[in-house]
Amino acid sequence: MLILLTGCAAPVPQAPATSALQIVPDRLYFIDDAAPSLQVVRRAIDAAIRGDESKLPYVISFVQYIDGEGAENYGDLLNNLQRAVTPQRFQRVLTTLDPKIRQMATDCMDVAQHLRKSVKRAIRS
């Protein structure tokens, strides 16, 4: 007896190696074709969280490929990453980066944090 099964097949979503950070593709985008794919970003973030010292500065440096709303969203991601890898480790790595990249990352993180606090205050009022 031969049984044929037909239908649509969709790939099963792969859970990242760590669930510390979730990347929402619609919220994270890069403006430059030289930027890495979201899959590369996910893998680099997972490796950075696991302790790969080369991946944390790599992930932070992606800030050079964003602008506008993407900057706010990447700032959120960097704030979450800082919590995941510890603020001390994050700040230590941040100080080793090119001053322009360091400033861009810090600015994005500050804007994202300020907007989150503003929304929370508005909700409480």
PDB file of N, CA and C in Angstrom:
ATOM      1  N   MET A   1       0.843  -1.154   0.000  1.00  0.00           N
ATOM      2  CA  MET A   1       0.000   0.000   0.000  1.00  0.00           C
ATOM      3  C   MET A   1       0.903   1.235   0.000  1.00  0.00           C
ATOM      4  N   LEU A   2       0.534   2.210  -0.782  1.00  0.00           N
ATOM      5  CA  LEU A   2       1.281   3.454  -0.894  1.00  0.00           C
ATOM      6  C   LEU A   2       0.412   4.586  -0.369  1.00  0.00           C
ATOM      7  N   ILE A   3       0.945   5.341   0.556  1.00  0.00           N
ATOM      8  CA  ILE A   3       0.218   6.480   1.114  1.00  0.00           C
ATOM      9  C   ILE A   3       0.985   7.743   0.732  1.00  0.00           C
ATOM     10  N   LEU A   4       0.297   8.674   0.120  1.00  0.00           N
ATOM     11  CA  LEU A   4       0.901   9.946  -0.236  1.00  0.00           C
ATOM     12  C   LEU A   4       0.345  11.023   0.673  1.00  0.00           C
ATOM     13  N   LEU A   5       1.231  11.754   1.263  1.00  0.00           N
ATOM     14  CA  LEU A   5       0.824  12.874   2.098  1.00  0.00           C
ATOM     15  C   LEU A   5       1.226  14.154   1.386  1.00  0.00           C
ATOM     16  N   THR A   6       0.270  15.025   1.229  1.00  0.00           N
ATOM     17  CA  THR A   6       0.575  16.295   0.582  1.00  0.00           C
ATOM     18  C   THR A   6       0.246  17.430   1.523  1.00  0.00           C
ATOM     19  N   GLY A   7       0.784  18.552   1.245  1.00  0.00           N
ATOM     20  CA  GLY A   7       0.505  19.728   2.064  1.00  0.00           C
ATOM     21  C   GLY A   7       1.687  20.665   2.054  1.00  0.00           C
ATOM     22  N   CYS A   8       1.546  21.695   2.790  1.00  0.00           N
ATOM     23  CA  CYS A   8       2.612  22.693   2.887  1.00  0.00           C
ATOM     24  C   CYS A   8       3.533  22.329   4.038  1.00  0.00           C
ATOM     25  N   ALA A   9       4.762  22.555   3.811  1.00  0.00           N
ATOM     26  CA  ALA A   9       5.735  22.332   4.880  1.00  0.00           C
ATOM     27  C   ALA A   9       6.462  23.638   5.141  1.00  0.00           C
ATOM     28  N   ALA A  10       6.566  23.955   6.366  1.00  0.00           N
ATOM     29  CA  ALA A  10       7.307  25.157   6.759  1.00  0.00           C
ATOM     30  C   ALA A  10       8.435  24.729   7.675  1.00  0.00           C
ATOM     31  N   PRO A  11       9.560  25.397   7.569  1.00  0.00           N
ATOM     32  CA  PRO A  11      10.657  25.011   8.456  1.00  0.00           C
ATOM     33  C   PRO A  11      10.280  25.242   9.911  1.00  0.00           C
ATOM     34  N   VAL A  12      10.711  24.336  10.735  1.00  0.00           N
ATOM     35  CA  VAL A  12      10.463  24.471  12.168  1.00  0.00           C
ATOM     36  C   VAL A  12      11.418  25.527  12.695  1.00  0.00           C
ATOM     37  N   PRO A  13      10.892  26.550  13.386  1.00  0.00           N
ATOM     38  CA  PRO A  13      11.795  27.581  13.899  1.00  0.00           C
ATOM     39  C   PRO A  13      12.824  26.985  14.849  1.00  0.00           C
ATOM     40  N   GLN A  14      14.046  27.388  14.650  1.00  0.00           N
ATOM     41  CA  GLN A  14      15.124  26.920  15.506  1.00  0.00           C
ATOM     42  C   GLN A  14      15.257  27.860  16.691  1.00  0.00           C
ATOM     43  N   ALA A  15      15.251  27.314  17.865  1.00  0.00           N
ATOM     44  CA  ALA A  15      15.475  28.135  19.052  1.00  0.00           C
ATOM     45  C   ALA A  15      16.949  28.497  19.097  1.00  0.00           C
ATOM     46  N   PRO A  16      17.263  29.731  19.453  1.00  0.00           N
ATOM     47  CA  PRO A  16      18.673  30.087  19.557  1.00  0.00           C
ATOM     48  C   PRO A  16      19.339  29.308  20.675  1.00  0.00           C
ATOM     49  N   ALA A  17      20.648  29.301  20.654  1.00  0.00           N
ATOM     50  CA  ALA A  17      21.400  28.571  21.673  1.00  0.00           C
ATOM     51  C   ALA A  17      21.091  29.097  23.062  1.00  0.00           C
ATOM     52  N   THR A  18      20.709  30.340  23.130  1.00  0.00           N
ATOM     53  CA  THR A  18      20.326  30.928  24.404  1.00  0.00           C
ATOM     54  C   THR A  18      19.048  31.708  24.200  1.00  0.00           C
ATOM     55  N   SER A  19      18.221  31.758  25.194  1.00  0.00           N
ATOM     56  CA  SER A  19      16.983  32.511  25.057  1.00  0.00           C
ATOM     57  C   SER A  19      17.084  33.851  25.772  1.00  0.00           C
ATOM     58  N   ALA A  20      18.295  34.285  26.074  1.00  0.00           N
ATOM     59  CA  ALA A  20      18.476  35.538  26.804  1.00  0.00           C
ATOM     60  C   ALA A  20      18.004  36.739  25.995  1.00  0.00           C
ATOM     61  N   LEU A  21      18.149  36.689  24.690  1.00  0.00           N
ATOM     62  CA  LEU A  21      17.726  37.790  23.836  1.00  0.00           C
ATOM     63  C   LEU A  21      16.925  37.258  22.672  1.00  0.00           C
ATOM     64  N   GLN A  22      15.910  37.991  22.326  1.00  0.00           N
ATOM     65  CA  GLN A  22      15.104  37.619  21.174  1.00  0.00           C
ATOM     66  C   GLN A  22      15.227  38.725  20.144  1.00  0.00           C
ATOM     67  N   ILE A  23      15.518  38.355  18.923  1.00  0.00           N
ATOM     68  CA  ILE A  23      15.610  39.329  17.843  1.00  0.00           C
ATOM     69  C   ILE A  23      14.331  39.243  17.035  1.00  0.00           C
ATOM     70  N   VAL A  24      13.656  40.361  16.900  1.00  0.00           N
ATOM     71  CA  VAL A  24      12.435  40.434  16.106  1.00  0.00           C
ATOM     72  C   VAL A  24      12.828  41.023  14.757  1.00  0.00           C
ATOM     73  N   PRO A  25      12.789  40.226  13.693  1.00  0.00           N
ATOM     74  CA  PRO A  25      13.270  40.695  12.389  1.00  0.00           C
ATOM     75  C   PRO A  25      12.633  42.003  11.921  1.00  0.00           C
ATOM     76  N   ASP A  26      11.363  42.211  12.204  1.00  0.00           N
ATOM     77  CA  ASP A  26      10.709  43.441  11.761  1.00  0.00           C
ATOM     78  C   ASP A  26      11.219  44.667  12.504  1.00  0.00           C
ATOM     79  N   ARG A  27      11.833  44.473  13.655  1.00  0.00           N
ATOM     80  CA  ARG A  27      12.319  45.601  14.450  1.00  0.00           C
ATOM     81  C   ARG A  27      13.812  45.843  14.286  1.00  0.00           C
ATOM     82  N   LEU A  28      14.522  44.885  13.753  1.00  0.00           N
ATOM     83  CA  LEU A  28      15.967  45.033  13.600  1.00  0.00           C
ATOM     84  C   LEU A  28      16.314  44.944  12.121  1.00  0.00           C
ATOM     85  N   TYR A  29      16.822  46.013  11.602  1.00  0.00           N
ATOM     86  CA  TYR A  29      17.222  46.026  10.206  1.00  0.00           C
ATOM     87  C   TYR A  29      18.450  46.913  10.066  1.00  0.00           C
ATOM     88  N   PHE A  30      19.199  46.671   9.014  1.00  0.00           N
ATOM     89  CA  PHE A  30      20.410  47.434   8.762  1.00  0.00           C
ATOM     90  C   PHE A  30      20.253  48.195   7.455  1.00  0.00           C
ATOM     91  N   ILE A  31      20.908  49.355   7.347  1.00  0.00           N
ATOM     92  CA  ILE A  31      20.768  50.208   6.169  1.00  0.00           C
ATOM     93  C   ILE A  31      21.834  49.953   5.117  1.00  0.00           C
ATOM     94  N   ASP A  32      22.770  49.120   5.391  1.00  0.00           N
ATOM     95  CA  ASP A  32      23.924  48.936   4.521  1.00  0.00           C
ATOM     96  C   ASP A  32      24.002  47.479   4.074  1.00  0.00           C
ATOM     97  N   ASP A  33      24.258  47.284   2.776  1.00  0.00           N
ATOM     98  CA  ASP A  33      24.385  45.916   2.261  1.00  0.00           C
ATOM     99  C   ASP A  33      25.581  45.181   2.855  1.00  0.00           C
ATOM    100  N   ALA A  34      26.535  45.923   3.394  1.00  0.00           N
ATOM    101  CA  ALA A  34      27.708  45.296   4.010  1.00  0.00           C
ATOM    102  C   ALA A  34      27.384  44.705   5.377  1.00  0.00           C
ATOM    103  N   ALA A  35      26.216  45.032   5.904  1.00  0.00           N
ATOM    104  CA  ALA A  35      25.818  44.540   7.229  1.00  0.00           C
ATOM    105  C   ALA A  35      25.567  43.034   7.181  1.00  0.00           C
ATOM    106  N   PRO A  36      25.717  42.377   8.307  1.00  0.00           N
ATOM    107  CA  PRO A  36      25.491  40.927   8.365  1.00  0.00           C
ATOM    108  C   PRO A  36      24.003  40.582   8.319  1.00  0.00           C
ATOM    109  N   SER A  37      23.718  39.339   7.997  1.00  0.00           N
ATOM    110  CA  SER A  37      22.331  38.867   8.020  1.00  0.00           C
ATOM    111  C   SER A  37      21.877  38.727   9.474  1.00  0.00           C
ATOM    112  N   LEU A  38      20.564  38.681   9.671  1.00  0.00           N
ATOM    113  CA  LEU A  38      20.045  38.511  11.029  1.00  0.00           C
ATOM    114  C   LEU A  38      20.477  37.177  11.623  1.00  0.00           C
ATOM    115  N   GLN A  39      20.638  36.173  10.787  1.00  0.00           N
ATOM    116  CA  GLN A  39      21.100  34.871  11.276  1.00  0.00           C
ATOM    117  C   GLN A  39      22.525  34.988  11.835  1.00  0.00           C
ATOM    118  N   VAL A  40      23.369  35.732  11.154  1.00  0.00           N
ATOM    119  CA  VAL A  40      24.738  35.953  11.637  1.00  0.00           C
ATOM    120  C   VAL A  40      24.703  36.731  12.946  1.00  0.00           C
ATOM    121  N   VAL A  41      23.820  37.733  13.017  1.00  0.00           N
ATOM    122  CA  VAL A  41      23.683  38.523  14.245  1.00  0.00           C
ATOM    123  C   VAL A  41      23.249  37.629  15.399  1.00  0.00           C
ATOM    124  N   ARG A  42      22.250  36.782  15.166  1.00  0.00           N
ATOM    125  CA  ARG A  42      21.769  35.871  16.220  1.00  0.00           C
ATOM    126  C   ARG A  42      22.891  34.980  16.738  1.00  0.00           C
ATOM    127  N   ARG A  43      23.628  34.383  15.801  1.00  0.00           N
ATOM    128  CA  ARG A  43      24.716  33.484  16.211  1.00  0.00           C
ATOM    129  C   ARG A  43      25.789  34.237  16.995  1.00  0.00           C
ATOM    130  N   ALA A  44      26.110  35.440  16.558  1.00  0.00           N
ATOM    131  CA  ALA A  44      27.131  36.235  17.249  1.00  0.00           C
ATOM    132  C   ALA A  44      26.666  36.616  18.651  1.00  0.00           C
ATOM    133  N   ILE A  45      25.396  36.974  18.791  1.00  0.00           N
ATOM    134  CA  ILE A  45      24.854  37.320  20.111  1.00  0.00           C
ATOM    135  C   ILE A  45      24.896  36.110  21.028  1.00  0.00           C
ATOM    136  N   ASP A  46      24.468  34.977  20.515  1.00  0.00           N
ATOM    137  CA  ASP A  46      24.497  33.754  21.327  1.00  0.00           C
ATOM    138  C   ASP A  46      25.920  33.435  21.782  1.00  0.00           C
ATOM    139  N   ALA A  47      26.877  33.567  20.867  1.00  0.00           N
ATOM    140  CA  ALA A  47      28.273  33.286  21.213  1.00  0.00           C
ATOM    141  C   ALA A  47      28.796  34.291  22.243  1.00  0.00           C
ATOM    142  N   ALA A  48      28.427  35.558  22.085  1.00  0.00           N
ATOM    143  CA  ALA A  48      28.865  36.584  23.044  1.00  0.00           C
ATOM    144  C   ALA A  48      28.322  36.283  24.433  1.00  0.00           C
ATOM    145  N   ILE A  49      27.075  35.878  24.505  1.00  0.00           N
ATOM    146  CA  ILE A  49      26.463  35.561  25.799  1.00  0.00           C
ATOM    147  C   ILE A  49      27.129  34.342  26.426  1.00  0.00           C
ATOM    148  N   ARG A  50      27.515  33.397  25.583  1.00  0.00           N
ATOM    149  CA  ARG A  50      28.194  32.200  26.099  1.00  0.00           C
ATOM    150  C   ARG A  50      29.628  32.491  26.530  1.00  0.00           C
ATOM    151  N   GLY A  51      30.142  33.687  26.211  1.00  0.00           N
ATOM    152  CA  GLY A  51      31.477  34.043  26.679  1.00  0.00           C
ATOM    153  C   GLY A  51      32.526  34.233  25.606  1.00  0.00           C
ATOM    154  N   ASP A  52      32.158  34.111  24.341  1.00  0.00           N
ATOM    155  CA  ASP A  52      33.123  34.306  23.264  1.00  0.00           C
ATOM    156  C   ASP A  52      33.536  35.780  23.235  1.00  0.00           C
ATOM    157  N   GLU A  53      34.751  36.056  23.659  1.00  0.00           N
ATOM    158  CA  GLU A  53      35.230  37.438  23.791  1.00  0.00           C
ATOM    159  C   GLU A  53      35.334  38.173  22.458  1.00  0.00           C
ATOM    160  N   SER A  54      35.459  37.452  21.361  1.00  0.00           N
ATOM    161  CA  SER A  54      35.565  38.123  20.064  1.00  0.00           C
ATOM    162  C   SER A  54      34.209  38.565  19.528  1.00  0.00           C
ATOM    163  N   LYS A  55      33.142  37.960  20.003  1.00  0.00           N
ATOM    164  CA  LYS A  55      31.817  38.255  19.445  1.00  0.00           C
ATOM    165  C   LYS A  55      31.149  39.474  20.054  1.00  0.00           C
ATOM    166  N   LEU A  56      31.433  39.799  21.284  1.00  0.00           N
ATOM    167  CA  LEU A  56      30.773  40.946  21.910  1.00  0.00           C
ATOM    168  C   LEU A  56      31.136  42.256  21.198  1.00  0.00           C
ATOM    169  N   PRO A  57      32.407  42.559  20.952  1.00  0.00           N
ATOM    170  CA  PRO A  57      32.703  43.790  20.207  1.00  0.00           C
ATOM    171  C   PRO A  57      32.160  43.744  18.778  1.00  0.00           C
ATOM    172  N   TYR A  58      32.136  42.556  18.207  1.00  0.00           N
ATOM    173  CA  TYR A  58      31.594  42.366  16.860  1.00  0.00           C
ATOM    174  C   TYR A  58      30.121  42.767  16.834  1.00  0.00           C
ATOM    175  N   VAL A  59      29.346  42.293  17.791  1.00  0.00           N
ATOM    176  CA  VAL A  59      27.917  42.618  17.854  1.00  0.00           C
ATOM    177  C   VAL A  59      27.717  44.110  18.104  1.00  0.00           C
ATOM    178  N   ILE A  60      28.462  44.666  19.024  1.00  0.00           N
ATOM    179  CA  ILE A  60      28.317  46.097  19.316  1.00  0.00           C
ATOM    180  C   ILE A  60      28.629  46.922  18.070  1.00  0.00           C
ATOM    181  N   SER A  61      29.608  46.506  17.292  1.00  0.00           N
ATOM    182  CA  SER A  61      30.021  47.276  16.114  1.00  0.00           C
ATOM    183  C   SER A  61      28.961  47.315  15.015  1.00  0.00           C
ATOM    184  N   PHE A  62      27.961  46.443  15.067  1.00  0.00           N
ATOM    185  CA  PHE A  62      26.890  46.478  14.068  1.00  0.00           C
ATOM    186  C   PHE A  62      26.114  47.785  14.130  1.00  0.00           C
ATOM    187  N   VAL A  63      26.282  48.546  15.196  1.00  0.00           N
ATOM    188  CA  VAL A  63      25.590  49.822  15.356  1.00  0.00           C
ATOM    189  C   VAL A  63      25.891  50.755  14.178  1.00  0.00           C
ATOM    190  N   GLN A  64      27.002  50.565  13.520  1.00  0.00           N
ATOM    191  CA  GLN A  64      27.359  51.422  12.391  1.00  0.00           C
ATOM    192  C   GLN A  64      26.449  51.220  11.181  1.00  0.00           C
ATOM    193  N   TYR A  65      25.648  50.173  11.183  1.00  0.00           N
ATOM    194  CA  TYR A  65      24.782  49.876  10.048  1.00  0.00           C
ATOM    195  C   TYR A  65      23.324  50.269  10.275  1.00  0.00           C
ATOM    196  N   ILE A  66      23.044  51.054  11.276  1.00  0.00           N
ATOM    197  CA  ILE A  66      21.655  51.377  11.589  1.00  0.00           C
ATOM    198  C   ILE A  66      21.429  52.884  11.580  1.00  0.00           C
ATOM    199  N   ASP A  67      20.154  53.252  11.494  1.00  0.00           N
ATOM    200  CA  ASP A  67      19.778  54.658  11.630  1.00  0.00           C
ATOM    201  C   ASP A  67      18.309  54.737  12.026  1.00  0.00           C
ATOM    202  N   GLY A  68      17.859  55.919  12.364  1.00  0.00           N
ATOM    203  CA  GLY A  68      16.454  56.158  12.667  1.00  0.00           C
ATOM    204  C   GLY A  68      15.880  55.226  13.709  1.00  0.00           C
ATOM    205  N   GLU A  69      14.711  54.667  13.400  1.00  0.00           N
ATOM    206  CA  GLU A  69      14.040  53.755  14.326  1.00  0.00           C
ATOM    207  C   GLU A  69      14.905  52.533  14.613  1.00  0.00           C
ATOM    208  N   GLY A  70      15.675  52.131  13.633  1.00  0.00           N
ATOM    209  CA  GLY A  70      16.580  51.010  13.836  1.00  0.00           C
ATOM    210  C   GLY A  70      17.575  51.274  14.946  1.00  0.00           C
ATOM    211  N   ALA A  71      17.964  52.543  15.105  1.00  0.00           N
ATOM    212  CA  ALA A  71      18.900  52.905  16.173  1.00  0.00           C
ATOM    213  C   ALA A  71      18.269  52.684  17.538  1.00  0.00           C
ATOM    214  N   GLU A  72      17.012  53.066  17.672  1.00  0.00           N
ATOM    215  CA  GLU A  72      16.308  52.835  18.943  1.00  0.00           C
ATOM    216  C   GLU A  72      16.196  51.340  19.224  1.00  0.00           C
ATOM    217  N   ASN A  73      15.808  50.585  18.218  1.00  0.00           N
ATOM    218  CA  ASN A  73      15.647  49.144  18.395  1.00  0.00           C
ATOM    219  C   ASN A  73      16.977  48.464  18.695  1.00  0.00           C
ATOM    220  N   TYR A  74      18.048  48.901  18.025  1.00  0.00           N
ATOM    221  CA  TYR A  74      19.351  48.308  18.301  1.00  0.00           C
ATOM    222  C   TYR A  74      19.837  48.712  19.685  1.00  0.00           C
ATOM    223  N   GLY A  75      19.475  49.922  20.101  1.00  0.00           N
ATOM    224  CA  GLY A  75      19.789  50.348  21.469  1.00  0.00           C
ATOM    225  C   GLY A  75      19.136  49.437  22.488  1.00  0.00           C
ATOM    226  N   ASP A  76      17.874  49.056  22.237  1.00  0.00           N
ATOM    227  CA  ASP A  76      17.191  48.093  23.112  1.00  0.00           C
ATOM    228  C   ASP A  76      17.951  46.776  23.153  1.00  0.00           C
ATOM    229  N   LEU A  77      18.346  46.307  21.976  1.00  0.00           N
ATOM    230  CA  LEU A  77      19.072  45.041  21.910  1.00  0.00           C
ATOM    231  C   LEU A  77      20.387  45.141  22.689  1.00  0.00           C
ATOM    232  N   LEU A  78      21.105  46.249  22.528  1.00  0.00           N
ATOM    233  CA  LEU A  78      22.374  46.410  23.252  1.00  0.00           C
ATOM    234  C   LEU A  78      22.160  46.503  24.757  1.00  0.00           C
ATOM    235  N   ASN A  79      21.095  47.187  25.185  1.00  0.00           N
ATOM    236  CA  ASN A  79      20.792  47.242  26.625  1.00  0.00           C
ATOM    237  C   ASN A  79      20.511  45.846  27.169  1.00  0.00           C
ATOM    238  N   ASN A  80      19.755  45.065  26.420  1.00  0.00           N
ATOM    239  CA  ASN A  80      19.463  43.689  26.846  1.00  0.00           C
ATOM    240  C   ASN A  80      20.727  42.831  26.838  1.00  0.00           C
ATOM    241  N   LEU A  81      21.556  43.036  25.834  1.00  0.00           N
ATOM    242  CA  LEU A  81      22.812  42.291  25.758  1.00  0.00           C
ATOM    243  C   LEU A  81      23.716  42.645  26.938  1.00  0.00           C
ATOM    244  N   GLN A  82      23.749  43.913  27.293  1.00  0.00           N
ATOM    245  CA  GLN A  82      24.559  44.340  28.438  1.00  0.00           C
ATOM    246  C   GLN A  82      24.116  43.620  29.711  1.00  0.00           C
ATOM    247  N   ARG A  83      22.813  43.498  29.907  1.00  0.00           N
ATOM    248  CA  ARG A  83      22.313  42.775  31.082  1.00  0.00           C
ATOM    249  C   ARG A  83      22.677  41.290  31.010  1.00  0.00           C
ATOM    250  N   ALA A  84      22.634  40.729  29.807  1.00  0.00           N
ATOM    251  CA  ALA A  84      22.904  39.298  29.647  1.00  0.00           C
ATOM    252  C   ALA A  84      24.369  38.943  29.887  1.00  0.00           C
ATOM    253  N   VAL A  85      25.279  39.820  29.490  1.00  0.00           N
ATOM    254  CA  VAL A  85      26.712  39.504  29.621  1.00  0.00           C
ATOM    255  C   VAL A  85      27.346  40.140  30.848  1.00  0.00           C
ATOM    256  N   THR A  86      26.602  40.878  31.600  1.00  0.00           N
ATOM    257  CA  THR A  86      26.965  41.682  32.779  1.00  0.00           C
ATOM    258  C   THR A  86      27.443  43.066  32.334  1.00  0.00           C
ATOM    259  N   PRO A  87      27.000  44.079  33.047  1.00  0.00           N
ATOM    260  CA  PRO A  87      27.405  45.448  32.704  1.00  0.00           C
ATOM    261  C   PRO A  87      28.925  45.643  32.727  1.00  0.00           C
ATOM    262  N   GLN A  88      29.609  44.982  33.638  1.00  0.00           N
ATOM    263  CA  GLN A  88      31.058  45.137  33.730  1.00  0.00           C
ATOM    264  C   GLN A  88      31.751  44.638  32.460  1.00  0.00           C
ATOM    265  N   ARG A  89      31.373  43.463  32.019  1.00  0.00           N
ATOM    266  CA  ARG A  89      31.988  42.906  30.809  1.00  0.00           C
ATOM    267  C   ARG A  89      31.649  43.772  29.602  1.00  0.00           C
ATOM    268  N   PHE A  90      30.398  44.188  29.498  1.00  0.00           N
ATOM    269  CA  PHE A  90      29.968  45.011  28.373  1.00  0.00           C
ATOM    270  C   PHE A  90      30.761  46.317  28.340  1.00  0.00           C
ATOM    271  N   GLN A  91      30.860  46.997  29.475  1.00  0.00           N
ATOM    272  CA  GLN A  91      31.578  48.274  29.532  1.00  0.00           C
ATOM    273  C   GLN A  91      33.065  48.091  29.245  1.00  0.00           C
ATOM    274  N   ARG A  92      33.640  47.004  29.719  1.00  0.00           N
ATOM    275  CA  ARG A  92      35.056  46.725  29.450  1.00  0.00           C
ATOM    276  C   ARG A  92      35.293  46.605  27.946  1.00  0.00           C
ATOM    277  N   VAL A  93      34.423  45.870  27.269  1.00  0.00           N
ATOM    278  CA  VAL A  93      34.555  45.702  25.820  1.00  0.00           C
ATOM    279  C   VAL A  93      34.272  47.021  25.104  1.00  0.00           C
ATOM    280  N   LEU A  94      33.276  47.746  25.560  1.00  0.00           N
ATOM    281  CA  LEU A  94      32.909  49.016  24.937  1.00  0.00           C
ATOM    282  C   LEU A  94      34.096  49.980  24.911  1.00  0.00           C
ATOM    283  N   THR A  95      34.877  50.000  25.964  1.00  0.00           N
ATOM    284  CA  THR A  95      36.021  50.924  26.028  1.00  0.00           C
ATOM    285  C   THR A  95      37.124  50.576  25.034  1.00  0.00           C
ATOM    286  N   THR A  96      37.116  49.358  24.498  1.00  0.00           N
ATOM    287  CA  THR A  96      38.146  48.951  23.542  1.00  0.00           C
ATOM    288  C   THR A  96      37.787  49.298  22.104  1.00  0.00           C
ATOM    289  N   LEU A  97      36.550  49.713  21.880  1.00  0.00           N
ATOM    290  CA  LEU A  97      36.088  49.969  20.516  1.00  0.00           C
ATOM    291  C   LEU A  97      36.510  51.343  20.018  1.00  0.00           C
ATOM    292  N   ASP A  98      36.473  51.498  18.710  1.00  0.00           N
ATOM    293  CA  ASP A  98      36.710  52.792  18.084  1.00  0.00           C
ATOM    294  C   ASP A  98      35.794  53.830  18.740  1.00  0.00           C
ATOM    295  N   PRO A  99      36.303  55.015  19.048  1.00  0.00           N
ATOM    296  CA  PRO A  99      35.487  56.021  19.745  1.00  0.00           C
ATOM    297  C   PRO A  99      34.166  56.350  19.042  1.00  0.00           C
ATOM    298  N   LYS A 100      34.170  56.362  17.721  1.00  0.00           N
ATOM    299  CA  LYS A 100      32.928  56.656  16.980  1.00  0.00           C
ATOM    300  C   LYS A 100      31.893  55.554  17.206  1.00  0.00           C
ATOM    301  N   ILE A 101      32.317  54.301  17.117  1.00  0.00           N
ATOM    302  CA  ILE A 101      31.417  53.162  17.347  1.00  0.00           C
ATOM    303  C   ILE A 101      30.934  53.177  18.795  1.00  0.00           C
ATOM    304  N   ARG A 102      31.848  53.420  19.716  1.00  0.00           N
ATOM    305  CA  ARG A 102      31.497  53.472  21.141  1.00  0.00           C
ATOM    306  C   ARG A 102      30.434  54.542  21.393  1.00  0.00           C
ATOM    307  N   GLN A 103      30.610  55.723  20.796  1.00  0.00           N
ATOM    308  CA  GLN A 103      29.649  56.809  20.991  1.00  0.00           C
ATOM    309  C   GLN A 103      28.300  56.468  20.367  1.00  0.00           C
ATOM    310  N   MET A 104      28.318  55.896  19.173  1.00  0.00           N
ATOM    311  CA  MET A 104      27.062  55.510  18.517  1.00  0.00           C
ATOM    312  C   MET A 104      26.309  54.488  19.366  1.00  0.00           C
ATOM    313  N   ALA A 105      27.023  53.493  19.866  1.00  0.00           N
ATOM    314  CA  ALA A 105      26.389  52.453  20.687  1.00  0.00           C
ATOM    315  C   ALA A 105      25.820  53.054  21.966  1.00  0.00           C
ATOM    316  N   THR A 106      26.601  53.888  22.615  1.00  0.00           N
ATOM    317  CA  THR A 106      26.146  54.522  23.859  1.00  0.00           C
ATOM    318  C   THR A 106      24.932  55.402  23.608  1.00  0.00           C
ATOM    319  N   ASP A 107      24.961  56.172  22.524  1.00  0.00           N
ATOM    320  CA  ASP A 107      23.821  57.036  22.194  1.00  0.00           C
ATOM    321  C   ASP A 107      22.559  56.220  21.928  1.00  0.00           C
ATOM    322  N   CYS A 108      22.687  55.144  21.161  1.00  0.00           N
ATOM    323  CA  CYS A 108      21.522  54.291  20.871  1.00  0.00           C
ATOM    324  C   CYS A 108      20.951  53.692  22.154  1.00  0.00           C
ATOM    325  N   MET A 109      21.830  53.239  23.021  1.00  0.00           N
ATOM    326  CA  MET A 109      21.386  52.647  24.286  1.00  0.00           C
ATOM    327  C   MET A 109      20.693  53.690  25.160  1.00  0.00           C
ATOM    328  N   ASP A 110      21.266  54.901  25.205  1.00  0.00           N
ATOM    329  CA  ASP A 110      20.672  55.970  26.013  1.00  0.00           C
ATOM    330  C   ASP A 110      19.292  56.359  25.498  1.00  0.00           C
ATOM    331  N   VAL A 111      19.159  56.499  24.180  1.00  0.00           N
ATOM    332  CA  VAL A 111      17.865  56.857  23.590  1.00  0.00           C
ATOM    333  C   VAL A 111      16.831  55.777  23.883  1.00  0.00           C
ATOM    334  N   ALA A 112      17.197  54.526  23.681  1.00  0.00           N
ATOM    335  CA  ALA A 112      16.260  53.428  23.931  1.00  0.00           C
ATOM    336  C   ALA A 112      15.830  53.400  25.388  1.00  0.00           C
ATOM    337  N   GLN A 113      16.775  53.578  26.281  1.00  0.00           N
ATOM    338  CA  GLN A 113      16.458  53.566  27.710  1.00  0.00           C
ATOM    339  C   GLN A 113      15.572  54.754  28.082  1.00  0.00           C
ATOM    340  N   HIS A 114      15.868  55.920  27.537  1.00  0.00           N
ATOM    341  CA  HIS A 114      15.062  57.113  27.814  1.00  0.00           C
ATOM    342  C   HIS A 114      13.620  56.923  27.323  1.00  0.00           C
ATOM    343  N   LEU A 115      13.467  56.378  26.119  1.00  0.00           N
ATOM    344  CA  LEU A 115      12.119  56.162  25.587  1.00  0.00           C
ATOM    345  C   LEU A 115      11.339  55.147  26.417  1.00  0.00           C
ATOM    346  N   ARG A 116      11.993  54.093  26.849  1.00  0.00           N
ATOM    347  CA  ARG A 116      11.323  53.092  27.700  1.00  0.00           C
ATOM    348  C   ARG A 116      10.841  53.735  28.998  1.00  0.00           C
ATOM    349  N   LYS A 117      11.711  54.528  29.619  1.00  0.00           N
ATOM    350  CA  LYS A 117      11.332  55.190  30.870  1.00  0.00           C
ATOM    351  C   LYS A 117      10.187  56.171  30.644  1.00  0.00           C
ATOM    352  N   SER A 118      10.213  56.896  29.536  1.00  0.00           N
ATOM    353  CA  SER A 118       9.147  57.851  29.227  1.00  0.00           C
ATOM    354  C   SER A 118       7.810  57.151  29.049  1.00  0.00           C
ATOM    355  N   VAL A 119       7.821  56.028  28.372  1.00  0.00           N
ATOM    356  CA  VAL A 119       6.586  55.264  28.162  1.00  0.00           C
ATOM    357  C   VAL A 119       6.057  54.752  29.495  1.00  0.00           C
ATOM    358  N   LYS A 120       6.935  54.235  30.337  1.00  0.00           N
ATOM    359  CA  LYS A 120       6.503  53.738  31.651  1.00  0.00           C
ATOM    360  C   LYS A 120       5.900  54.854  32.486  1.00  0.00           C
ATOM    361  N   ARG A 121       6.515  56.042  32.448  1.00  0.00           N
ATOM    362  CA  ARG A 121       5.966  57.182  33.196  1.00  0.00           C
ATOM    363  C   ARG A 121       4.600  57.579  32.655  1.00  0.00           C
ATOM    364  N   ALA A 122       4.457  57.577  31.344  1.00  0.00           N
ATOM    365  CA  ALA A 122       3.183  57.950  30.726  1.00  0.00           C
ATOM    366  C   ALA A 122       2.089  56.950  31.080  1.00  0.00           C
ATOM    367  N   ILE A 123       2.431  55.691  31.144  1.00  0.00           N
ATOM    368  CA  ILE A 123       1.447  54.651  31.487  1.00  0.00           C
ATOM    369  C   ILE A 123       0.998  54.805  32.931  1.00  0.00           C
ATOM    370  N   ARG A 124       1.921  55.149  33.803  1.00  0.00           N
ATOM    371  CA  ARG A 124       1.583  55.317  35.224  1.00  0.00           C
ATOM    372  C   ARG A 124       0.700  56.537  35.469  1.00  0.00           C
ATOM    373  N   SER A 125       0.795  57.549  34.611  1.00  0.00           N
ATOM    374  CA  SER A 125       0.034  58.790  34.835  1.00  0.00           C
ATOM    375  C   SER A 125      -1.422  58.641  34.478  1.00  0.00           C
TER     376      SER A 125
END
